[in-house]
């Protein structure tokens, strides 16, 4: 799909298996004000893009996305809740806080 010139990528997270890519995007105006935040899940194999509006999103460090180790679930963290995406379908509230947010970064290793 074509990408508009005013679309900004706020976060990007490849799945551990490498078969999907999750993006948090927003539209910017001429004053660099952001609106219309969306979660986009790209599947390069099928060339599909699944889009979910994120009306609650703010560009702060407390907001984040992380994949589960098996690449089957994507977690969306906000200051007051964690949402869950499991394949095709809507975002639902996670029943437990996932380990993928502890430590708070997915870069490097603690070993």
PDB file of N, CA and C in Angstrom:
ATOM      1  N   UNK A   1       0.824  -1.207   0.000  1.00  0.00           N
ATOM      2  CA  UNK A   1       0.000   0.000   0.000  1.00  0.00           C
ATOM      3  C   UNK A   1       0.858   1.258   0.000  1.00  0.00           C
ATOM      4  N   UNK A   2       0.345   2.291  -0.594  1.00  0.00           N
ATOM      5  CA  UNK A   2       1.066   3.564  -0.655  1.00  0.00           C
ATOM      6  C   UNK A   2       1.091   4.212   0.717  1.00  0.00           C
ATOM      7  N   UNK A   3       2.170   4.893   1.018  1.00  0.00           N
ATOM      8  CA  UNK A   3       2.313   5.582   2.291  1.00  0.00           C
ATOM      9  C   UNK A   3       2.197   7.079   2.051  1.00  0.00           C
ATOM     10  N   UNK A   4       1.263   7.753   2.732  1.00  0.00           N
ATOM     11  CA  UNK A   4       1.150   9.206   2.538  1.00  0.00           C
ATOM     12  C   UNK A   4       2.374   9.934   3.069  1.00  0.00           C
ATOM     13  N   UNK A   5       2.666  11.081   2.495  1.00  0.00           N
ATOM     14  CA  UNK A   5       3.837  11.857   2.900  1.00  0.00           C
ATOM     15  C   UNK A   5       3.771  12.324   4.340  1.00  0.00           C
ATOM     16  N   UNK A   6       2.569  12.477   4.873  1.00  0.00           N
ATOM     17  CA  UNK A   6       2.443  13.001   6.225  1.00  0.00           C
ATOM     18  C   UNK A   6       2.324  11.908   7.290  1.00  0.00           C
ATOM     19  N   UNK A   7       2.578  10.658   6.928  1.00  0.00           N
ATOM     20  CA  UNK A   7       2.524   9.551   7.881  1.00  0.00           C
ATOM     21  C   UNK A   7       3.866   9.418   8.593  1.00  0.00           C
ATOM     22  N   UNK A   8       3.832   9.381   9.928  1.00  0.00           N
ATOM     23  CA  UNK A   8       5.047   9.293  10.736  1.00  0.00           C
ATOM     24  C   UNK A   8       5.015   7.974  11.502  1.00  0.00           C
ATOM     25  N   UNK A   9       6.143   7.262  11.522  1.00  0.00           N
ATOM     26  CA  UNK A   9       6.265   6.031  12.297  1.00  0.00           C
ATOM     27  C   UNK A   9       6.804   6.396  13.678  1.00  0.00           C
ATOM     28  N   UNK A  10       6.021   6.098  14.722  1.00  0.00           N
ATOM     29  CA  UNK A  10       6.438   6.380  16.094  1.00  0.00           C
ATOM     30  C   UNK A  10       7.173   5.208  16.706  1.00  0.00           C
ATOM     31  N   UNK A  11       6.692   4.007  16.481  1.00  0.00           N
ATOM     32  CA  UNK A  11       7.361   2.815  16.998  1.00  0.00           C
ATOM     33  C   UNK A  11       7.296   1.734  15.935  1.00  0.00           C
ATOM     34  N   UNK A  12       8.319   0.900  15.935  1.00  0.00           N
ATOM     35  CA  UNK A  12       8.372  -0.234  15.021  1.00  0.00           C
ATOM     36  C   UNK A  12       8.909  -1.431  15.795  1.00  0.00           C
ATOM     37  N   UNK A  13       8.294  -2.591  15.583  1.00  0.00           N
ATOM     38  CA  UNK A  13       8.716  -3.787  16.306  1.00  0.00           C
ATOM     39  C   UNK A  13       8.551  -5.015  15.424  1.00  0.00           C
ATOM     40  N   UNK A  14       9.663  -5.590  14.946  1.00  0.00           N
ATOM     41  CA  UNK A  14       9.554  -6.848  14.201  1.00  0.00           C
ATOM     42  C   UNK A  14       9.274  -7.998  15.154  1.00  0.00           C
ATOM     43  N   UNK A  15       8.476  -8.953  14.717  1.00  0.00           N
ATOM     44  CA  UNK A  15       8.212 -10.120  15.564  1.00  0.00           C
ATOM     45  C   UNK A  15       9.486 -10.951  15.676  1.00  0.00           C
ATOM     46  N   UNK A  16       9.683 -11.668  16.787  1.00  0.00           N
ATOM     47  CA  UNK A  16      10.885 -12.491  16.943  1.00  0.00           C
ATOM     48  C   UNK A  16      11.078 -13.505  15.820  1.00  0.00           C
ATOM     49  N   UNK A  17       9.989 -14.024  15.266  1.00  0.00           N
ATOM     50  CA  UNK A  17      10.108 -14.994  14.175  1.00  0.00           C
ATOM     51  C   UNK A  17      10.375 -14.325  12.832  1.00  0.00           C
ATOM     52  N   UNK A  18      10.218 -13.012  12.769  1.00  0.00           N
ATOM     53  CA  UNK A  18      10.490 -12.286  11.538  1.00  0.00           C
ATOM     54  C   UNK A  18       9.376 -12.326  10.516  1.00  0.00           C
ATOM     55  N   UNK A  19       8.203 -12.863  10.867  1.00  0.00           N
ATOM     56  CA  UNK A  19       7.138 -12.983   9.870  1.00  0.00           C
ATOM     57  C   UNK A  19       6.144 -11.823   9.888  1.00  0.00           C
ATOM     58  N   UNK A  20       6.234 -10.924  10.879  1.00  0.00           N
ATOM     59  CA  UNK A  20       5.338  -9.766  10.947  1.00  0.00           C
ATOM     60  C   UNK A  20       6.105  -8.553  11.457  1.00  0.00           C
ATOM     61  N   UNK A  21       5.531  -7.397  11.176  1.00  0.00           N
ATOM     62  CA  UNK A  21       6.108  -6.144  11.626  1.00  0.00           C
ATOM     63  C   UNK A  21       4.981  -5.288  12.188  1.00  0.00           C
ATOM     64  N   UNK A  22       5.148  -4.792  13.403  1.00  0.00           N
ATOM     65  CA  UNK A  22       4.143  -3.931  14.024  1.00  0.00           C
ATOM     66  C   UNK A  22       4.648  -2.495  14.014  1.00  0.00           C
ATOM     67  N   UNK A  23       3.775  -1.578  13.628  1.00  0.00           N
ATOM     68  CA  UNK A  23       4.104  -0.155  13.576  1.00  0.00           C
ATOM     69  C   UNK A  23       3.046   0.633  14.328  1.00  0.00           C
ATOM     70  N   UNK A  24       3.459   1.660  15.031  1.00  0.00           N
ATOM     71  CA  UNK A  24       2.526   2.668  15.535  1.00  0.00           C
ATOM     72  C   UNK A  24       2.796   3.901  14.693  1.00  0.00           C
ATOM     73  N   UNK A  25       1.767   4.346  13.977  1.00  0.00           N
ATOM     74  CA  UNK A  25       1.908   5.479  13.068  1.00  0.00           C
ATOM     75  C   UNK A  25       0.954   6.596  13.467  1.00  0.00           C
ATOM     76  N   UNK A  26       1.234   7.783  12.952  1.00  0.00           N
ATOM     77  CA  UNK A  26       0.359   8.938  13.161  1.00  0.00           C
ATOM     78  C   UNK A  26       0.452   9.830  11.933  1.00  0.00           C
ATOM     79  N   UNK A  27      -0.538  10.661  11.779  1.00  0.00           N
ATOM     80  CA  UNK A  27      -0.546  11.652  10.703  1.00  0.00           C
ATOM     81  C   UNK A  27      -0.078  12.968  11.303  1.00  0.00           C
ATOM     82  N   UNK A  28       0.801  13.665  10.599  1.00  0.00           N
ATOM     83  CA  UNK A  28       1.272  14.960  11.083  1.00  0.00           C
ATOM     84  C   UNK A  28       0.796  16.059  10.141  1.00  0.00           C
ATOM     85  N   UNK A  29       0.651  17.262  10.702  1.00  0.00           N
ATOM     86  CA  UNK A  29       0.289  18.400   9.867  1.00  0.00           C
ATOM     87  C   UNK A  29       1.516  19.282   9.658  1.00  0.00           C
ATOM     88  N   UNK A  30       1.332  20.450   9.072  1.00  0.00           N
ATOM     89  CA  UNK A  30       2.457  21.339   8.769  1.00  0.00           C
ATOM     90  C   UNK A  30       3.147  21.869  10.029  1.00  0.00           C
ATOM     91  N   UNK A  31       2.476  21.805  11.185  1.00  0.00           N
ATOM     92  CA  UNK A  31       3.069  22.243  12.457  1.00  0.00           C
ATOM     93  C   UNK A  31       3.658  21.080  13.262  1.00  0.00           C
ATOM     94  N   UNK A  32       3.749  19.925  12.671  1.00  0.00           N
ATOM     95  CA  UNK A  32       4.243  18.706  13.315  1.00  0.00           C
ATOM     96  C   UNK A  32       3.405  18.325  14.533  1.00  0.00           C
ATOM     97  N   UNK A  33       2.109  18.569  14.444  1.00  0.00           N
ATOM     98  CA  UNK A  33       1.173  18.082  15.445  1.00  0.00           C
ATOM     99  C   UNK A  33       0.660  16.737  14.961  1.00  0.00           C
ATOM    100  N   UNK A  34       0.530  15.779  15.869  1.00  0.00           N
ATOM    101  CA  UNK A  34       0.209  14.410  15.486  1.00  0.00           C
ATOM    102  C   UNK A  34      -1.221  14.048  15.855  1.00  0.00           C
ATOM    103  N   UNK A  35      -1.852  13.294  14.988  1.00  0.00           N
ATOM    104  CA  UNK A  35      -3.215  12.822  15.216  1.00  0.00           C
ATOM    105  C   UNK A  35      -3.394  11.493  14.497  1.00  0.00           C
ATOM    106  N   UNK A  36      -4.520  10.875  14.694  1.00  0.00           N
ATOM    107  CA  UNK A  36      -4.878   9.630  14.010  1.00  0.00           C
ATOM    108  C   UNK A  36      -3.834   8.534  14.206  1.00  0.00           C
ATOM    109  N   UNK A  37      -3.501   8.266  15.457  1.00  0.00           N
ATOM    110  CA  UNK A  37      -2.563   7.182  15.756  1.00  0.00           C
ATOM    111  C   UNK A  37      -3.201   5.842  15.384  1.00  0.00           C
ATOM    112  N   UNK A  38      -2.394   4.956  14.813  1.00  0.00           N
ATOM    113  CA  UNK A  38      -2.874   3.636  14.409  1.00  0.00           C
ATOM    114  C   UNK A  38      -1.815   2.581  14.669  1.00  0.00           C
ATOM    115  N   UNK A  39      -2.267   1.384  14.999  1.00  0.00           N
ATOM    116  CA  UNK A  39      -1.414   0.209  15.044  1.00  0.00           C
ATOM    117  C   UNK A  39      -1.554  -0.474  13.691  1.00  0.00           C
ATOM    118  N   UNK A  40      -0.440  -0.687  13.027  1.00  0.00           N
ATOM    119  CA  UNK A  40      -0.434  -1.370  11.727  1.00  0.00           C
ATOM    120  C   UNK A  40       0.399  -2.631  11.865  1.00  0.00           C
ATOM    121  N   UNK A  41      -0.187  -3.753  11.489  1.00  0.00           N
ATOM    122  CA  UNK A  41       0.523  -5.029  11.546  1.00  0.00           C
ATOM    123  C   UNK A  41       0.705  -5.501  10.114  1.00  0.00           C
ATOM    124  N   UNK A  42       1.951  -5.547   9.683  1.00  0.00           N
ATOM    125  CA  UNK A  42       2.288  -5.905   8.315  1.00  0.00           C
ATOM    126  C   UNK A  42       2.698  -7.357   8.248  1.00  0.00           C
ATOM    127  N   UNK A  43       2.176  -8.068   7.275  1.00  0.00           N
ATOM    128  CA  UNK A  43       2.543  -9.461   7.013  1.00  0.00           C
ATOM    129  C   UNK A  43       3.133  -9.506   5.609  1.00  0.00           C
ATOM    130  N   UNK A  44       4.466  -9.480   5.478  1.00  0.00           N
ATOM    131  CA  UNK A  44       5.090  -9.444   4.158  1.00  0.00           C
ATOM    132  C   UNK A  44       4.763 -10.658   3.286  1.00  0.00           C
ATOM    133  N   UNK A  45       4.573 -11.823   3.918  1.00  0.00           N
ATOM    134  CA  UNK A  45       4.306 -13.033   3.145  1.00  0.00           C
ATOM    135  C   UNK A  45       2.988 -12.916   2.377  1.00  0.00           C
ATOM    136  N   UNK A  46       1.935 -12.477   3.048  1.00  0.00           N
ATOM    137  CA  UNK A  46       0.632 -12.340   2.393  1.00  0.00           C
ATOM    138  C   UNK A  46       0.417 -10.928   1.843  1.00  0.00           C
ATOM    139  N   UNK A  47       1.363 -10.030   2.094  1.00  0.00           N
ATOM    140  CA  UNK A  47       1.285  -8.633   1.687  1.00  0.00           C
ATOM    141  C   UNK A  47       0.032  -7.954   2.224  1.00  0.00           C
ATOM    142  N   UNK A  48      -0.360  -8.319   3.459  1.00  0.00           N
ATOM    143  CA  UNK A  48      -1.543  -7.731   4.074  1.00  0.00           C
ATOM    144  C   UNK A  48      -1.126  -6.754   5.168  1.00  0.00           C
ATOM    145  N   UNK A  49      -2.008  -5.794   5.422  1.00  0.00           N
ATOM    146  CA  UNK A  49      -1.811  -4.819   6.492  1.00  0.00           C
ATOM    147  C   UNK A  49      -3.101  -4.767   7.296  1.00  0.00           C
ATOM    148  N   UNK A  50      -2.996  -5.062   8.580  1.00  0.00           N
ATOM    149  CA  UNK A  50      -4.142  -4.960   9.480  1.00  0.00           C
ATOM    150  C   UNK A  50      -3.987  -3.661  10.265  1.00  0.00           C
ATOM    151  N   UNK A  51      -5.037  -2.841  10.315  1.00  0.00           N
ATOM    152  CA  UNK A  51      -4.969  -1.519  10.932  1.00  0.00           C
ATOM    153  C   UNK A  51      -5.981  -1.419  12.072  1.00  0.00           C
ATOM    154  N   UNK A  52      -5.504  -0.907  13.215  1.00  0.00           N
ATOM    155  CA  UNK A  52      -6.359  -0.685  14.386  1.00  0.00           C
ATOM    156  C   UNK A  52      -6.162   0.748  14.858  1.00  0.00           C
ATOM    157  N   UNK A  53      -7.225   1.546  14.962  1.00  0.00           N
ATOM    158  CA  UNK A  53      -7.090   2.908  15.496  1.00  0.00           C
ATOM    159  C   UNK A  53      -6.644   2.865  16.957  1.00  0.00           C
ATOM    160  N   UNK A  54      -5.773   3.794  17.327  1.00  0.00           N
ATOM    161  CA  UNK A  54      -5.292   3.912  18.705  1.00  0.00           C
ATOM    162  C   UNK A  54      -5.640   5.313  19.207  1.00  0.00           C
ATOM    163  N   UNK A  55      -6.909   5.562  19.442  1.00  0.00           N
ATOM    164  CA  UNK A  55      -7.368   6.896  19.830  1.00  0.00           C
ATOM    165  C   UNK A  55      -6.769   7.354  21.159  1.00  0.00           C
ATOM    166  N   UNK A  56      -6.318   6.430  21.976  1.00  0.00           N
ATOM    167  CA  UNK A  56      -5.786   6.742  23.300  1.00  0.00           C
ATOM    168  C   UNK A  56      -4.282   6.989  23.296  1.00  0.00           C
ATOM    169  N   UNK A  57      -3.600   6.806  22.163  1.00  0.00           N
ATOM    170  CA  UNK A  57      -2.135   6.825  22.109  1.00  0.00           C
ATOM    171  C   UNK A  57      -1.591   8.238  22.295  1.00  0.00           C
ATOM    172  N   UNK A  58      -0.473   8.340  23.005  1.00  0.00           N
ATOM    173  CA  UNK A  58       0.276   9.583  23.166  1.00  0.00           C
ATOM    174  C   UNK A  58       1.748   9.235  22.999  1.00  0.00           C
ATOM    175  N   UNK A  59       2.504  10.144  22.458  1.00  0.00           N
ATOM    176  CA  UNK A  59       3.927   9.890  22.211  1.00  0.00           C
ATOM    177  C   UNK A  59       4.740  10.093  23.490  1.00  0.00           C
ATOM    178  N   UNK A  60       4.536   9.213  24.452  1.00  0.00           N
ATOM    179  CA  UNK A  60       5.267   9.240  25.716  1.00  0.00           C
ATOM    180  C   UNK A  60       5.942   7.892  25.946  1.00  0.00           C
ATOM    181  N   UNK A  61       7.008   7.840  26.758  1.00  0.00           N
ATOM    182  CA  UNK A  61       7.712   6.573  26.992  1.00  0.00           C
ATOM    183  C   UNK A  61       6.861   5.495  27.657  1.00  0.00           C
ATOM    184  N   UNK A  62       5.783   5.855  28.335  1.00  0.00           N
ATOM    185  CA  UNK A  62       4.940   4.857  28.997  1.00  0.00           C
ATOM    186  C   UNK A  62       4.112   4.038  28.010  1.00  0.00           C
ATOM    187  N   UNK A  63       4.075   4.459  26.759  1.00  0.00           N
ATOM    188  CA  UNK A  63       3.336   3.742  25.731  1.00  0.00           C
ATOM    189  C   UNK A  63       4.329   2.906  24.926  1.00  0.00           C
ATOM    190  N   UNK A  64       3.956   1.665  24.621  1.00  0.00           N
ATOM    191  CA  UNK A  64       4.886   0.828  23.884  1.00  0.00           C
ATOM    192  C   UNK A  64       4.224  -0.409  23.310  1.00  0.00           C
ATOM    193  N   UNK A  65       4.927  -1.059  22.394  1.00  0.00           N
ATOM    194  CA  UNK A  65       4.470  -2.312  21.796  1.00  0.00           C
ATOM    195  C   UNK A  65       5.580  -3.344  21.930  1.00  0.00           C
ATOM    196  N   UNK A  66       5.205  -4.583  22.211  1.00  0.00           N
ATOM    197  CA  UNK A  66       6.164  -5.690  22.317  1.00  0.00           C
ATOM    198  C   UNK A  66       5.496  -6.982  21.875  1.00  0.00           C
ATOM    199  N   UNK A  67       6.256  -7.814  21.209  1.00  0.00           N
ATOM    200  CA  UNK A  67       5.795  -9.143  20.804  1.00  0.00           C
ATOM    201  C   UNK A  67       6.077 -10.149  21.906  1.00  0.00           C
ATOM    202  N   UNK A  68       5.255 -11.182  21.983  1.00  0.00           N
ATOM    203  CA  UNK A  68       5.572 -12.321  22.846  1.00  0.00           C
ATOM    204  C   UNK A  68       6.736 -13.073  22.209  1.00  0.00           C
ATOM    205  N   UNK A  69       7.421 -13.877  22.995  1.00  0.00           N
ATOM    206  CA  UNK A  69       8.585 -14.615  22.475  1.00  0.00           C
ATOM    207  C   UNK A  69       8.243 -15.537  21.318  1.00  0.00           C
ATOM    208  N   UNK A  70       7.009 -16.067  21.284  1.00  0.00           N
ATOM    209  CA  UNK A  70       6.623 -16.986  20.212  1.00  0.00           C
ATOM    210  C   UNK A  70       6.003 -16.272  19.004  1.00  0.00           C
ATOM    211  N   UNK A  71       5.963 -14.932  19.029  1.00  0.00           N
ATOM    212  CA  UNK A  71       5.451 -14.107  17.923  1.00  0.00           C
ATOM    213  C   UNK A  71       3.956 -14.269  17.664  1.00  0.00           C
ATOM    214  N   UNK A  72       3.231 -14.884  18.577  1.00  0.00           N
ATOM    215  CA  UNK A  72       1.795 -15.097  18.361  1.00  0.00           C
ATOM    216  C   UNK A  72       0.940 -13.964  18.921  1.00  0.00           C
ATOM    217  N   UNK A  73       1.504 -13.168  19.837  1.00  0.00           N
ATOM    218  CA  UNK A  73       0.739 -12.098  20.472  1.00  0.00           C
ATOM    219  C   UNK A  73       1.546 -10.806  20.453  1.00  0.00           C
ATOM    220  N   UNK A  74       0.824  -9.707  20.312  1.00  0.00           N
ATOM    221  CA  UNK A  74       1.430  -8.383  20.396  1.00  0.00           C
ATOM    222  C   UNK A  74       0.752  -7.644  21.540  1.00  0.00           C
ATOM    223  N   UNK A  75       1.564  -7.067  22.420  1.00  0.00           N
ATOM    224  CA  UNK A  75       1.046  -6.333  23.568  1.00  0.00           C
ATOM    225  C   UNK A  75       1.231  -4.835  23.340  1.00  0.00           C
ATOM    226  N   UNK A  76       0.208  -4.070  23.681  1.00  0.00           N
ATOM    227  CA  UNK A  76       0.222  -2.616  23.555  1.00  0.00           C
ATOM    228  C   UNK A  76       0.084  -2.054  24.960  1.00  0.00           C
ATOM    229  N   UNK A  77       1.124  -1.356  25.433  1.00  0.00           N
ATOM    230  CA  UNK A  77       1.144  -0.858  26.807  1.00  0.00           C
ATOM    231  C   UNK A  77       0.758   0.613  26.845  1.00  0.00           C
ATOM    232  N   UNK A  78      -0.106   0.962  27.789  1.00  0.00           N
ATOM    233  CA  UNK A  78      -0.459   2.339  28.102  1.00  0.00           C
ATOM    234  C   UNK A  78      -0.228   2.516  29.597  1.00  0.00           C
ATOM    235  N   UNK A  79      -0.305   3.743  30.119  1.00  0.00           N
ATOM    236  CA  UNK A  79      -0.064   3.914  31.558  1.00  0.00           C
ATOM    237  C   UNK A  79      -1.046   3.160  32.448  1.00  0.00           C
ATOM    238  N   UNK A  80      -2.272   2.911  31.988  1.00  0.00           N
ATOM    239  CA  UNK A  80      -3.263   2.293  32.865  1.00  0.00           C
ATOM    240  C   UNK A  80      -3.745   0.916  32.443  1.00  0.00           C
ATOM    241  N   UNK A  81      -3.255   0.375  31.327  1.00  0.00           N
ATOM    242  CA  UNK A  81      -3.680  -0.960  30.905  1.00  0.00           C
ATOM    243  C   UNK A  81      -2.745  -1.511  29.834  1.00  0.00           C
ATOM    244  N   UNK A  82      -2.886  -2.804  29.588  1.00  0.00           N
ATOM    245  CA  UNK A  82      -2.153  -3.468  28.519  1.00  0.00           C
ATOM    246  C   UNK A  82      -3.178  -4.147  27.623  1.00  0.00           C
ATOM    247  N   UNK A  83      -3.104  -3.857  26.328  1.00  0.00           N
ATOM    248  CA  UNK A  83      -3.995  -4.477  25.361  1.00  0.00           C
ATOM    249  C   UNK A  83      -3.267  -5.605  24.655  1.00  0.00           C
ATOM    250  N   UNK A  84      -4.029  -6.496  24.065  1.00  0.00           N
ATOM    251  CA  UNK A  84      -3.488  -7.705  23.446  1.00  0.00           C
ATOM    252  C   UNK A  84      -4.067  -7.884  22.052  1.00  0.00           C
ATOM    253  N   UNK A  85      -3.202  -8.234  21.097  1.00  0.00           N
ATOM    254  CA  UNK A  85      -3.608  -8.612  19.756  1.00  0.00           C
ATOM    255  C   UNK A  85      -3.136 -10.046  19.536  1.00  0.00           C
ATOM    256  N   UNK A  86      -4.061 -10.935  19.161  1.00  0.00           N
ATOM    257  CA  UNK A  86      -3.720 -12.347  18.922  1.00  0.00           C
ATOM    258  C   UNK A  86      -4.132 -12.739  17.515  1.00  0.00           C
ATOM    259  N   UNK A  87      -3.304 -12.449  16.554  1.00  0.00           N
ATOM    260  CA  UNK A  87      -3.657 -12.776  15.183  1.00  0.00           C
ATOM    261  C   UNK A  87      -4.700 -11.815  14.660  1.00  0.00           C
ATOM    262  N   UNK A  88      -5.531 -12.256  13.779  1.00  0.00           N
ATOM    263  CA  UNK A  88      -6.568 -11.393  13.215  1.00  0.00           C
ATOM    264  C   UNK A  88      -7.600 -11.054  14.278  1.00  0.00           C
ATOM    265  N   UNK A  89      -8.072  -9.829  14.275  1.00  0.00           N
ATOM    266  CA  UNK A  89      -9.135  -9.469  15.195  1.00  0.00           C
ATOM    267  C   UNK A  89      -8.860  -8.205  15.972  1.00  0.00           C
ATOM    268  N   UNK A  90      -9.759  -7.913  16.873  1.00  0.00           N
ATOM    269  CA  UNK A  90      -9.701  -6.683  17.652  1.00  0.00           C
ATOM    270  C   UNK A  90      -8.697  -6.766  18.785  1.00  0.00           C
ATOM    271  N   UNK A  91      -8.358  -5.595  19.317  1.00  0.00           N
ATOM    272  CA  UNK A  91      -7.519  -5.515  20.507  1.00  0.00           C
ATOM    273  C   UNK A  91      -8.398  -5.754  21.726  1.00  0.00           C
ATOM    274  N   UNK A  92      -7.902  -6.562  22.656  1.00  0.00           N
ATOM    275  CA  UNK A  92      -8.632  -6.831  23.897  1.00  0.00           C
ATOM    276  C   UNK A  92      -7.700  -6.529  25.070  1.00  0.00           C
ATOM    277  N   UNK A  93      -8.278  -6.314  26.232  1.00  0.00           N
ATOM    278  CA  UNK A  93      -7.458  -6.048  27.408  1.00  0.00           C
ATOM    279  C   UNK A  93      -6.788  -7.340  27.875  1.00  0.00           C
ATOM    280  N   UNK A  94      -5.486  -7.268  28.119  1.00  0.00           N
ATOM    281  CA  UNK A  94      -4.732  -8.439  28.589  1.00  0.00           C
ATOM    282  C   UNK A  94      -5.126  -8.753  30.019  1.00  0.00           C
ATOM    283  N   UNK A  95      -5.183 -10.033  30.336  1.00  0.00           N
ATOM    284  CA  UNK A  95      -5.584 -10.462  31.679  1.00  0.00           C
ATOM    285  C   UNK A  95      -4.434 -10.391  32.683  1.00  0.00           C
ATOM    286  N   UNK A  96      -3.198 -10.362  32.184  1.00  0.00           N
ATOM    287  CA  UNK A  96      -2.031 -10.295  33.063  1.00  0.00           C
ATOM    288  C   UNK A  96      -0.966  -9.426  32.403  1.00  0.00           C
ATOM    289  N   UNK A  97      -0.079  -8.871  33.218  1.00  0.00           N
ATOM    290  CA  UNK A  97       1.002  -8.043  32.703  1.00  0.00           C
ATOM    291  C   UNK A  97       2.062  -8.953  32.084  1.00  0.00           C
ATOM    292  N   UNK A  98       2.370  -8.791  30.804  1.00  0.00           N
ATOM    293  CA  UNK A  98       3.299  -9.707  30.137  1.00  0.00           C
ATOM    294  C   UNK A  98       4.756  -9.470  30.522  1.00  0.00           C
ATOM    295  N   UNK A  99       5.529 -10.545  30.533  1.00  0.00           N
ATOM    296  CA  UNK A  99       6.952 -10.460  30.851  1.00  0.00           C
ATOM    297  C   UNK A  99       7.746  -9.672  29.818  1.00  0.00           C
ATOM    298  N   UNK A 100       7.212  -9.513  28.616  1.00  0.00           N
ATOM    299  CA  UNK A 100       7.975  -8.856  27.558  1.00  0.00           C
ATOM    300  C   UNK A 100       8.242  -7.384  27.856  1.00  0.00           C
ATOM    301  N   UNK A 101       7.575  -6.770  28.852  1.00  0.00           N
ATOM    302  CA  UNK A 101       7.853  -5.387  29.216  1.00  0.00           C
ATOM    303  C   UNK A 101       8.836  -5.282  30.378  1.00  0.00           C
ATOM    304  N   UNK A 102       9.380  -6.385  30.847  1.00  0.00           N
ATOM    305  CA  UNK A 102      10.370  -6.368  31.923  1.00  0.00           C
ATOM    306  C   UNK A 102      11.598  -7.143  31.460  1.00  0.00           C
ATOM    307  N   UNK A 103      12.739  -6.533  31.237  1.00  0.00           N
ATOM    308  CA  UNK A 103      13.039  -5.116  31.375  1.00  0.00           C
ATOM    309  C   UNK A 103      12.311  -4.295  30.313  1.00  0.00           C
ATOM    310  N   UNK A 104      12.341  -2.981  30.444  1.00  0.00           N
ATOM    311  CA  UNK A 104      11.526  -2.114  29.602  1.00  0.00           C
ATOM    312  C   UNK A 104      12.071  -1.936  28.194  1.00  0.00           C
ATOM    313  N   UNK A 105      13.155  -2.579  27.857  1.00  0.00           N
ATOM    314  CA  UNK A 105      13.704  -2.472  26.506  1.00  0.00           C
ATOM    315  C   UNK A 105      13.858  -3.852  25.912  1.00  0.00           C
ATOM    316  N   UNK A 106      13.800  -3.942  24.587  1.00  0.00           N
ATOM    317  CA  UNK A 106      14.052  -5.221  23.917  1.00  0.00           C
ATOM    318  C   UNK A 106      15.389  -5.184  23.174  1.00  0.00           C
ATOM    319  N   UNK A 107      16.249  -4.234  23.514  1.00  0.00           N
ATOM    320  CA  UNK A 107      17.560  -4.127  22.888  1.00  0.00           C
ATOM    321  C   UNK A 107      18.617  -4.718  23.807  1.00  0.00           C
ATOM    322  N   UNK A 108      19.521  -5.482  23.251  1.00  0.00           N
ATOM    323  CA  UNK A 108      20.614  -6.039  24.030  1.00  0.00           C
ATOM    324  C   UNK A 108      20.214  -7.244  24.837  1.00  0.00           C
ATOM    325  N   UNK A 109      21.082  -7.648  25.743  1.00  0.00           N
ATOM    326  CA  UNK A 109      20.864  -8.842  26.550  1.00  0.00           C
ATOM    327  C   UNK A 109      21.341  -8.583  27.972  1.00  0.00           C
ATOM    328  N   UNK A 110      20.673  -9.215  28.902  1.00  0.00           N
ATOM    329  CA  UNK A 110      21.095  -9.104  30.290  1.00  0.00           C
ATOM    330  C   UNK A 110      22.169 -10.129  30.640  1.00  0.00           C
ATOM    331  N   UNK A 111      22.435 -11.070  29.744  1.00  0.00           N
ATOM    332  CA  UNK A 111      23.410 -12.131  30.018  1.00  0.00           C
ATOM    333  C   UNK A 111      24.827 -11.627  29.942  1.00  0.00           C
TER     334      UNK A 111
END
